[in-house]
C-alpha cells in the first residue's frame, strides 16, 4: 500500500485531520455520501466535520490493488445512524499523494 494511503488511514484513526489532509495533493478530490469535495480546503472542512460529528472506531479489514488504485475496506462502529458500517475506500495515488478518494 502506498505511504500516502497508510499515512491517511493512520491519521484518520487517530482523528488527526491536519495529518490526514497532508496525504492529499492540492487538487485532490474526495467523494463521500454522494458529495464531492475538491481541493485540500474542502477536504479539510470535510475531515473536520466528519471527525467531530460522530464518535466511532475504524478498523481496516482488507486492502487490495486494482489497476492503479488501492481498495481499502474498513469497519466502523459508533454513534452515527445505524451504528455500524463497512466501507470500501478507493484511493488513487500519483507522485506520492492521494489525488482521488471515493468512499462507498
Protein backbone atom coordinates (compact mmCIF):
# COMPACT_ATOMS: atom_id res chain seq x y z
CA UNK A 1 0.00 0.00 0.00
CA UNK A 2 1.39 3.47 -0.84
CA UNK A 3 2.75 5.54 2.03
CA UNK A 4 0.17 8.30 1.43
CA UNK A 5 -2.69 5.82 1.92
CA UNK A 6 -1.09 4.40 5.09
CA UNK A 7 -0.49 7.94 6.38
CA UNK A 8 -4.11 8.92 5.71
CA UNK A 9 -5.52 5.81 7.38
CA UNK A 10 -3.27 6.26 10.44
CA UNK A 11 -4.22 9.93 10.75
CA UNK A 12 -7.90 9.13 10.24
CA UNK A 13 -7.85 6.52 13.04
CA UNK A 14 -6.07 9.00 15.33
CA UNK A 15 -8.50 11.78 14.33
CA UNK A 16 -5.56 13.91 13.26
CA UNK A 17 -7.35 15.78 10.48
CA UNK A 18 -4.40 18.01 9.59
CA UNK A 19 -2.14 14.99 9.06
CA UNK A 20 -4.88 13.27 7.06
CA UNK A 21 -5.18 16.25 4.71
CA UNK A 22 -1.39 16.35 4.19
CA UNK A 23 -1.69 12.96 2.41
CA UNK A 24 -3.66 14.64 -0.42
CA UNK A 25 -2.43 16.52 -3.48
CA UNK A 26 -3.54 20.18 -3.58
CA UNK A 27 -6.02 19.43 -6.39
CA UNK A 28 -7.31 16.14 -4.94
CA UNK A 29 -10.98 15.21 -4.72
CA UNK A 30 -12.91 13.11 -2.21
CA UNK A 31 -16.37 11.67 -2.81
CA UNK A 32 -18.28 10.62 0.31
CA UNK A 33 -22.02 10.19 0.86
CA UNK A 34 -22.72 11.36 -2.69
CA UNK A 35 -20.85 14.66 -2.32
CA UNK A 36 -17.51 15.59 -3.84
CA UNK A 37 -15.01 17.78 -2.02
CA UNK A 38 -12.38 19.34 -4.31
CA UNK A 39 -9.02 20.68 -3.18
CA UNK A 40 -7.41 20.47 0.23
CA UNK A 41 -9.53 23.34 1.62
CA UNK A 42 -12.79 21.47 1.04
CA UNK A 43 -11.19 18.15 2.04
CA UNK A 44 -10.01 19.71 5.30
CA UNK A 45 -13.52 21.01 6.07
CA UNK A 46 -14.97 17.56 5.24
CA UNK A 47 -12.45 15.80 7.54
CA UNK A 48 -13.04 18.22 10.43
CA UNK A 49 -16.83 17.82 10.13
CA UNK A 50 -16.64 14.03 9.84
CA UNK A 51 -14.28 13.65 12.79
CA UNK A 52 -16.33 15.80 15.16
CA UNK A 53 -19.91 14.97 14.15
CA UNK A 54 -19.81 11.37 15.40
CA UNK A 55 -17.78 9.20 17.74
CA UNK A 56 -16.59 5.99 16.11
CA UNK A 57 -13.80 3.47 15.79
CA UNK A 58 -12.29 2.42 12.48
CA UNK A 59 -10.71 -0.95 11.73
CA UNK A 60 -9.02 -1.72 8.41
CA UNK A 61 -10.31 -5.12 7.31
CA UNK A 62 -8.56 -5.50 3.97
CA UNK A 63 -6.58 -3.90 1.17
CA UNK A 64 -6.05 -4.85 -2.45
CA UNK A 65 -4.71 -3.28 -5.57
CA UNK A 66 -7.00 -2.79 -8.60
CA UNK A 67 -5.01 -1.44 -11.51
CA UNK A 68 -3.52 1.85 -10.36
CA UNK A 69 -5.93 2.15 -7.41
CA UNK A 70 -5.96 0.70 -3.92
CA UNK A 71 -9.23 -0.51 -2.40
CA UNK A 72 -9.16 -0.43 1.40
CA UNK A 73 -12.09 -1.90 3.31
CA UNK A 74 -12.87 -0.61 6.78
CA UNK A 75 -15.34 -1.41 9.53
CA UNK A 76 -16.78 1.48 11.55
CA UNK A 77 -18.70 1.30 14.81
CA UNK A 78 -20.06 4.32 16.62
CA UNK A 79 -22.94 6.60 17.46
CA UNK A 80 -23.82 7.52 13.86
CA UNK A 81 -27.17 6.38 12.35
CA UNK A 82 -27.12 2.58 12.12
CA UNK A 83 -24.10 2.33 14.43
CA UNK A 84 -22.12 0.01 12.12
CA UNK A 85 -20.79 0.46 8.59
CA UNK A 86 -18.49 -1.45 6.28
CA UNK A 87 -16.89 0.83 3.72
CA UNK A 88 -14.80 0.41 0.61
CA UNK A 89 -12.41 3.29 0.03
CA UNK A 90 -10.86 3.60 -3.45
CA UNK A 91 -7.59 5.56 -3.40
CA UNK A 92 -5.79 6.86 -6.47
CA UNK A 93 -2.22 7.95 -5.76
CA UNK A 94 0.10 9.94 -8.03
CA UNK A 95 3.53 11.34 -7.25
CA UNK A 96 3.29 10.11 -3.65
CA UNK A 97 -0.01 11.87 -2.79
CA UNK A 98 -3.67 10.89 -2.88
CA UNK A 99 -5.37 12.53 -5.88
CA UNK A 100 -8.75 10.79 -5.56
CA UNK A 101 -10.64 9.05 -2.76
CA UNK A 102 -14.07 7.54 -3.30
CA UNK A 103 -15.85 6.16 -0.23
CA UNK A 104 -18.75 3.74 -0.75
